[in-house]
Amino acid sequence: MSMDPYTIILRPVITEKSTALREQHREVCFEVALHANKSEIKKAVEHLFKVKVADVRTQIKHGKERKVGRSSGMTRTWKKAVIRLREGEKMIEYFEAV
């Protein structure tokens, strides 16, 4: 692994959609480093949480322009990874390793 797993997996994404994915399809969502690829993300999750990963999907969320009064700015661009666990693996608890 070229990078430390703690620099690849940044934080869990906890939304209504990610909670539904977790309950119905055994998938968890994480914010990951922008330059990390799918194989690095898979190795980092397997190392940190001691589970087997079946599939990794990624998407880049581009920053949007936001205005407050007269001033405007941009939200940051970030990368989201949706990780599907293999059958028979225990579900990841967010606060056990990261």
N, C-alpha and C. Protein backbone atom coordinates (compact mmCIF):
# COMPACT_ATOMS: atom_id res chain seq x y z
N MET A 1 0.85 -1.16 0.00
CA MET A 1 0.00 0.00 0.00
C MET A 1 0.90 1.23 0.00
N SER A 2 0.63 2.16 -0.88
CA SER A 2 1.52 3.30 -1.02
C SER A 2 1.27 4.39 0.02
N MET A 3 0.09 4.40 0.62
CA MET A 3 -0.24 5.45 1.57
C MET A 3 -0.74 4.83 2.88
N ASP A 4 -0.72 5.64 3.92
CA ASP A 4 -1.26 5.23 5.20
C ASP A 4 -2.79 5.13 5.08
N PRO A 5 -3.40 4.05 5.59
CA PRO A 5 -4.86 3.91 5.49
C PRO A 5 -5.63 5.04 6.15
N TYR A 6 -5.04 5.65 7.18
CA TYR A 6 -5.71 6.74 7.87
C TYR A 6 -5.73 8.03 7.04
N THR A 7 -4.86 8.14 6.05
CA THR A 7 -4.92 9.31 5.17
C THR A 7 -5.80 9.07 3.96
N ILE A 8 -6.15 7.81 3.69
CA ILE A 8 -7.05 7.49 2.57
C ILE A 8 -8.50 7.62 3.02
N ILE A 9 -8.87 6.97 4.13
CA ILE A 9 -10.24 7.04 4.66
C ILE A 9 -10.30 8.23 5.61
N LEU A 10 -11.08 9.25 5.25
CA LEU A 10 -11.10 10.48 6.03
C LEU A 10 -12.21 10.49 7.08
N ARG A 11 -13.43 10.14 6.69
CA ARG A 11 -14.54 10.14 7.64
C ARG A 11 -15.71 9.38 7.03
N PRO A 12 -16.62 8.87 7.88
CA PRO A 12 -17.83 8.24 7.34
C PRO A 12 -18.81 9.31 6.88
N VAL A 13 -19.58 8.98 5.87
CA VAL A 13 -20.63 9.87 5.39
C VAL A 13 -21.94 9.33 5.95
N ILE A 14 -22.56 10.09 6.84
CA ILE A 14 -23.78 9.64 7.50
C ILE A 14 -24.93 10.54 7.03
N THR A 15 -25.72 10.02 6.10
CA THR A 15 -26.89 10.71 5.57
C THR A 15 -28.04 9.72 5.54
N GLU A 16 -29.21 10.19 5.17
CA GLU A 16 -30.35 9.29 5.06
C GLU A 16 -30.10 8.23 3.99
N LYS A 17 -29.53 8.65 2.87
CA LYS A 17 -29.27 7.72 1.78
C LYS A 17 -28.22 6.68 2.18
N SER A 18 -27.16 7.10 2.84
CA SER A 18 -26.13 6.15 3.24
C SER A 18 -26.63 5.19 4.32
N THR A 19 -27.52 5.66 5.18
CA THR A 19 -28.11 4.79 6.19
C THR A 19 -29.00 3.74 5.53
N ALA A 20 -29.75 4.13 4.52
CA ALA A 20 -30.59 3.17 3.79
C ALA A 20 -29.73 2.15 3.06
N LEU A 21 -28.64 2.59 2.44
CA LEU A 21 -27.73 1.66 1.76
C LEU A 21 -27.14 0.68 2.76
N ARG A 22 -26.81 1.15 3.93
CA ARG A 22 -26.22 0.31 4.97
C ARG A 22 -27.19 -0.78 5.41
N GLU A 23 -28.46 -0.42 5.60
CA GLU A 23 -29.44 -1.37 6.09
C GLU A 23 -29.91 -2.35 5.01
N GLN A 24 -30.07 -1.88 3.78
CA GLN A 24 -30.66 -2.72 2.74
C GLN A 24 -29.64 -3.50 1.92
N HIS A 25 -28.50 -2.90 1.62
CA HIS A 25 -27.56 -3.51 0.68
C HIS A 25 -26.19 -3.84 1.27
N ARG A 26 -26.01 -3.65 2.59
CA ARG A 26 -24.73 -3.91 3.25
C ARG A 26 -23.61 -3.07 2.62
N GLU A 27 -23.89 -1.79 2.40
CA GLU A 27 -22.91 -0.87 1.83
C GLU A 27 -22.68 0.28 2.82
N VAL A 28 -21.44 0.73 2.90
CA VAL A 28 -21.09 1.86 3.75
C VAL A 28 -20.42 2.93 2.90
N CYS A 29 -20.58 4.19 3.32
CA CYS A 29 -20.04 5.32 2.57
C CYS A 29 -18.98 6.04 3.40
N PHE A 30 -17.88 6.40 2.74
CA PHE A 30 -16.81 7.13 3.38
C PHE A 30 -16.37 8.28 2.49
N GLU A 31 -15.90 9.36 3.12
CA GLU A 31 -15.18 10.39 2.39
C GLU A 31 -13.74 9.93 2.32
N VAL A 32 -13.18 9.95 1.12
CA VAL A 32 -11.82 9.46 0.93
C VAL A 32 -10.96 10.55 0.29
N ALA A 33 -9.66 10.33 0.27
CA ALA A 33 -8.73 11.29 -0.33
C ALA A 33 -9.01 11.39 -1.83
N LEU A 34 -8.88 12.59 -2.37
CA LEU A 34 -9.19 12.82 -3.78
C LEU A 34 -8.30 12.00 -4.72
N HIS A 35 -7.06 11.77 -4.36
CA HIS A 35 -6.13 11.10 -5.25
C HIS A 35 -6.09 9.59 -5.04
N ALA A 36 -6.90 9.06 -4.12
CA ALA A 36 -6.91 7.61 -3.87
C ALA A 36 -7.72 6.89 -4.93
N ASN A 37 -7.20 5.73 -5.39
CA ASN A 37 -7.95 4.95 -6.37
C ASN A 37 -8.70 3.82 -5.66
N LYS A 38 -9.48 3.04 -6.45
CA LYS A 38 -10.35 2.04 -5.86
C LYS A 38 -9.57 0.93 -5.14
N SER A 39 -8.47 0.51 -5.69
CA SER A 39 -7.71 -0.57 -5.05
C SER A 39 -7.09 -0.09 -3.73
N GLU A 40 -6.63 1.15 -3.67
CA GLU A 40 -6.09 1.70 -2.41
C GLU A 40 -7.19 1.82 -1.36
N ILE A 41 -8.39 2.24 -1.79
CA ILE A 41 -9.51 2.37 -0.87
C ILE A 41 -9.90 0.99 -0.33
N LYS A 42 -9.93 0.00 -1.20
CA LYS A 42 -10.29 -1.37 -0.78
C LYS A 42 -9.29 -1.90 0.25
N LYS A 43 -8.00 -1.74 -0.02
CA LYS A 43 -6.97 -2.21 0.92
C LYS A 43 -7.04 -1.47 2.25
N ALA A 44 -7.32 -0.17 2.21
CA ALA A 44 -7.39 0.62 3.44
C ALA A 44 -8.57 0.18 4.31
N VAL A 45 -9.73 -0.06 3.70
CA VAL A 45 -10.90 -0.50 4.47
C VAL A 45 -10.67 -1.89 5.04
N GLU A 46 -10.09 -2.78 4.25
CA GLU A 46 -9.81 -4.13 4.75
C GLU A 46 -8.80 -4.10 5.89
N HIS A 47 -7.82 -3.22 5.82
CA HIS A 47 -6.81 -3.11 6.87
C HIS A 47 -7.39 -2.49 8.15
N LEU A 48 -8.15 -1.42 8.02
CA LEU A 48 -8.65 -0.70 9.19
C LEU A 48 -9.75 -1.46 9.92
N PHE A 49 -10.68 -2.07 9.18
CA PHE A 49 -11.86 -2.65 9.81
C PHE A 49 -11.84 -4.18 9.84
N LYS A 50 -10.82 -4.80 9.26
CA LYS A 50 -10.67 -6.27 9.27
C LYS A 50 -11.88 -6.97 8.67
N VAL A 51 -12.34 -6.49 7.51
CA VAL A 51 -13.44 -7.10 6.77
C VAL A 51 -13.00 -7.33 5.34
N LYS A 52 -13.76 -8.12 4.59
CA LYS A 52 -13.49 -8.34 3.17
C LYS A 52 -14.46 -7.49 2.35
N VAL A 53 -13.91 -6.79 1.36
CA VAL A 53 -14.69 -5.88 0.52
C VAL A 53 -15.00 -6.56 -0.80
N ALA A 54 -16.26 -6.49 -1.22
CA ALA A 54 -16.68 -7.08 -2.49
C ALA A 54 -16.54 -6.07 -3.63
N ASP A 55 -16.90 -4.81 -3.38
CA ASP A 55 -16.96 -3.84 -4.48
C ASP A 55 -16.75 -2.44 -3.93
N VAL A 56 -16.12 -1.58 -4.74
CA VAL A 56 -15.92 -0.18 -4.38
C VAL A 56 -16.39 0.68 -5.55
N ARG A 57 -17.27 1.62 -5.25
CA ARG A 57 -17.69 2.61 -6.24
C ARG A 57 -17.30 3.97 -5.73
N THR A 58 -16.82 4.84 -6.61
CA THR A 58 -16.41 6.18 -6.19
C THR A 58 -17.11 7.23 -7.03
N GLN A 59 -17.26 8.39 -6.44
CA GLN A 59 -17.79 9.54 -7.17
C GLN A 59 -17.17 10.80 -6.60
N ILE A 60 -16.92 11.76 -7.47
CA ILE A 60 -16.35 13.03 -7.06
C ILE A 60 -17.47 14.05 -6.97
N LYS A 61 -17.60 14.65 -5.80
CA LYS A 61 -18.61 15.67 -5.56
C LYS A 61 -17.94 17.03 -5.76
N HIS A 62 -18.26 17.69 -6.85
CA HIS A 62 -17.64 18.97 -7.17
C HIS A 62 -18.22 20.08 -6.29
N GLY A 63 -17.38 21.04 -5.96
CA GLY A 63 -17.80 22.16 -5.12
C GLY A 63 -18.81 23.03 -5.84
N LYS A 64 -19.69 23.64 -5.05
CA LYS A 64 -20.73 24.50 -5.60
C LYS A 64 -20.52 25.93 -5.12
N GLU A 65 -21.03 26.88 -5.88
CA GLU A 65 -20.95 28.27 -5.46
C GLU A 65 -22.06 28.55 -4.45
N ARG A 66 -21.70 29.16 -3.34
CA ARG A 66 -22.65 29.51 -2.29
C ARG A 66 -22.54 31.01 -2.01
N LYS A 67 -23.69 31.65 -1.81
CA LYS A 67 -23.70 33.08 -1.55
C LYS A 67 -24.34 33.35 -0.20
N VAL A 68 -23.72 34.26 0.54
CA VAL A 68 -24.26 34.75 1.80
C VAL A 68 -24.19 36.27 1.73
N GLY A 69 -25.34 36.90 1.59
CA GLY A 69 -25.36 38.35 1.43
C GLY A 69 -24.68 38.74 0.12
N ARG A 70 -23.71 39.64 0.22
CA ARG A 70 -22.99 40.07 -0.98
C ARG A 70 -21.78 39.22 -1.28
N SER A 71 -21.33 38.45 -0.32
CA SER A 71 -20.12 37.66 -0.54
C SER A 71 -20.50 36.28 -1.09
N SER A 72 -19.59 35.72 -1.87
CA SER A 72 -19.82 34.39 -2.41
C SER A 72 -18.52 33.59 -2.29
N GLY A 73 -18.67 32.29 -2.31
CA GLY A 73 -17.52 31.41 -2.21
C GLY A 73 -17.87 30.05 -2.77
N MET A 74 -16.92 29.15 -2.66
CA MET A 74 -17.13 27.81 -3.19
C MET A 74 -17.01 26.79 -2.05
N THR A 75 -17.86 25.77 -2.10
CA THR A 75 -17.68 24.65 -1.18
C THR A 75 -16.57 23.79 -1.78
N ARG A 76 -16.01 22.93 -0.96
CA ARG A 76 -14.85 22.17 -1.43
C ARG A 76 -15.28 20.96 -2.26
N THR A 77 -14.39 20.50 -3.11
CA THR A 77 -14.58 19.29 -3.89
C THR A 77 -14.08 18.11 -3.07
N TRP A 78 -14.86 17.02 -3.03
CA TRP A 78 -14.47 15.86 -2.25
C TRP A 78 -14.88 14.58 -2.97
N LYS A 79 -14.32 13.48 -2.51
CA LYS A 79 -14.55 12.18 -3.14
C LYS A 79 -15.26 11.26 -2.17
N LYS A 80 -16.32 10.58 -2.66
CA LYS A 80 -17.10 9.66 -1.85
C LYS A 80 -16.91 8.25 -2.37
N ALA A 81 -16.73 7.31 -1.45
CA ALA A 81 -16.59 5.90 -1.81
C ALA A 81 -17.73 5.11 -1.17
N VAL A 82 -18.42 4.31 -1.99
CA VAL A 82 -19.46 3.42 -1.51
C VAL A 82 -18.88 2.01 -1.55
N ILE A 83 -18.79 1.38 -0.38
CA ILE A 83 -18.10 0.10 -0.25
C ILE A 83 -19.12 -0.98 0.09
N ARG A 84 -19.18 -2.03 -0.75
CA ARG A 84 -20.07 -3.16 -0.49
C ARG A 84 -19.26 -4.28 0.13
N LEU A 85 -19.75 -4.81 1.26
CA LEU A 85 -19.05 -5.88 1.96
C LEU A 85 -19.45 -7.24 1.38
N ARG A 86 -18.55 -8.21 1.52
CA ARG A 86 -18.86 -9.57 1.09
C ARG A 86 -19.93 -10.18 1.98
N GLU A 87 -20.60 -11.20 1.45
CA GLU A 87 -21.61 -11.91 2.23
C GLU A 87 -20.95 -12.57 3.43
N GLY A 88 -21.61 -12.52 4.56
CA GLY A 88 -21.10 -13.15 5.77
C GLY A 88 -20.17 -12.28 6.60
N GLU A 89 -19.78 -11.11 6.09
CA GLU A 89 -18.91 -10.21 6.86
C GLU A 89 -19.75 -9.40 7.83
N LYS A 90 -19.14 -9.07 8.98
CA LYS A 90 -19.85 -8.25 9.95
C LYS A 90 -19.90 -6.80 9.45
N MET A 91 -20.98 -6.11 9.80
CA MET A 91 -21.16 -4.73 9.37
C MET A 91 -20.17 -3.84 10.11
N ILE A 92 -19.64 -2.85 9.43
CA ILE A 92 -18.66 -1.93 10.01
C ILE A 92 -19.37 -0.98 10.98
N GLU A 93 -18.84 -0.89 12.18
CA GLU A 93 -19.28 0.12 13.12
C GLU A 93 -18.34 1.30 12.95
N TYR A 94 -18.89 2.49 12.75
CA TYR A 94 -18.09 3.65 12.38
C TYR A 94 -17.06 4.04 13.42
N PHE A 95 -17.31 3.83 14.69
CA PHE A 95 -16.41 4.34 15.71
C PHE A 95 -15.49 3.28 16.28
N GLU A 96 -15.36 2.13 15.60
CA GLU A 96 -14.51 1.10 16.19
C GLU A 96 -13.04 1.24 15.80
N ALA A 97 -12.72 1.81 14.63
CA ALA A 97 -11.31 1.88 14.24
C ALA A 97 -10.89 3.27 13.81
N VAL A 98 -11.74 4.04 13.17
CA VAL A 98 -11.34 5.34 12.65
C VAL A 98 -11.73 6.42 13.62
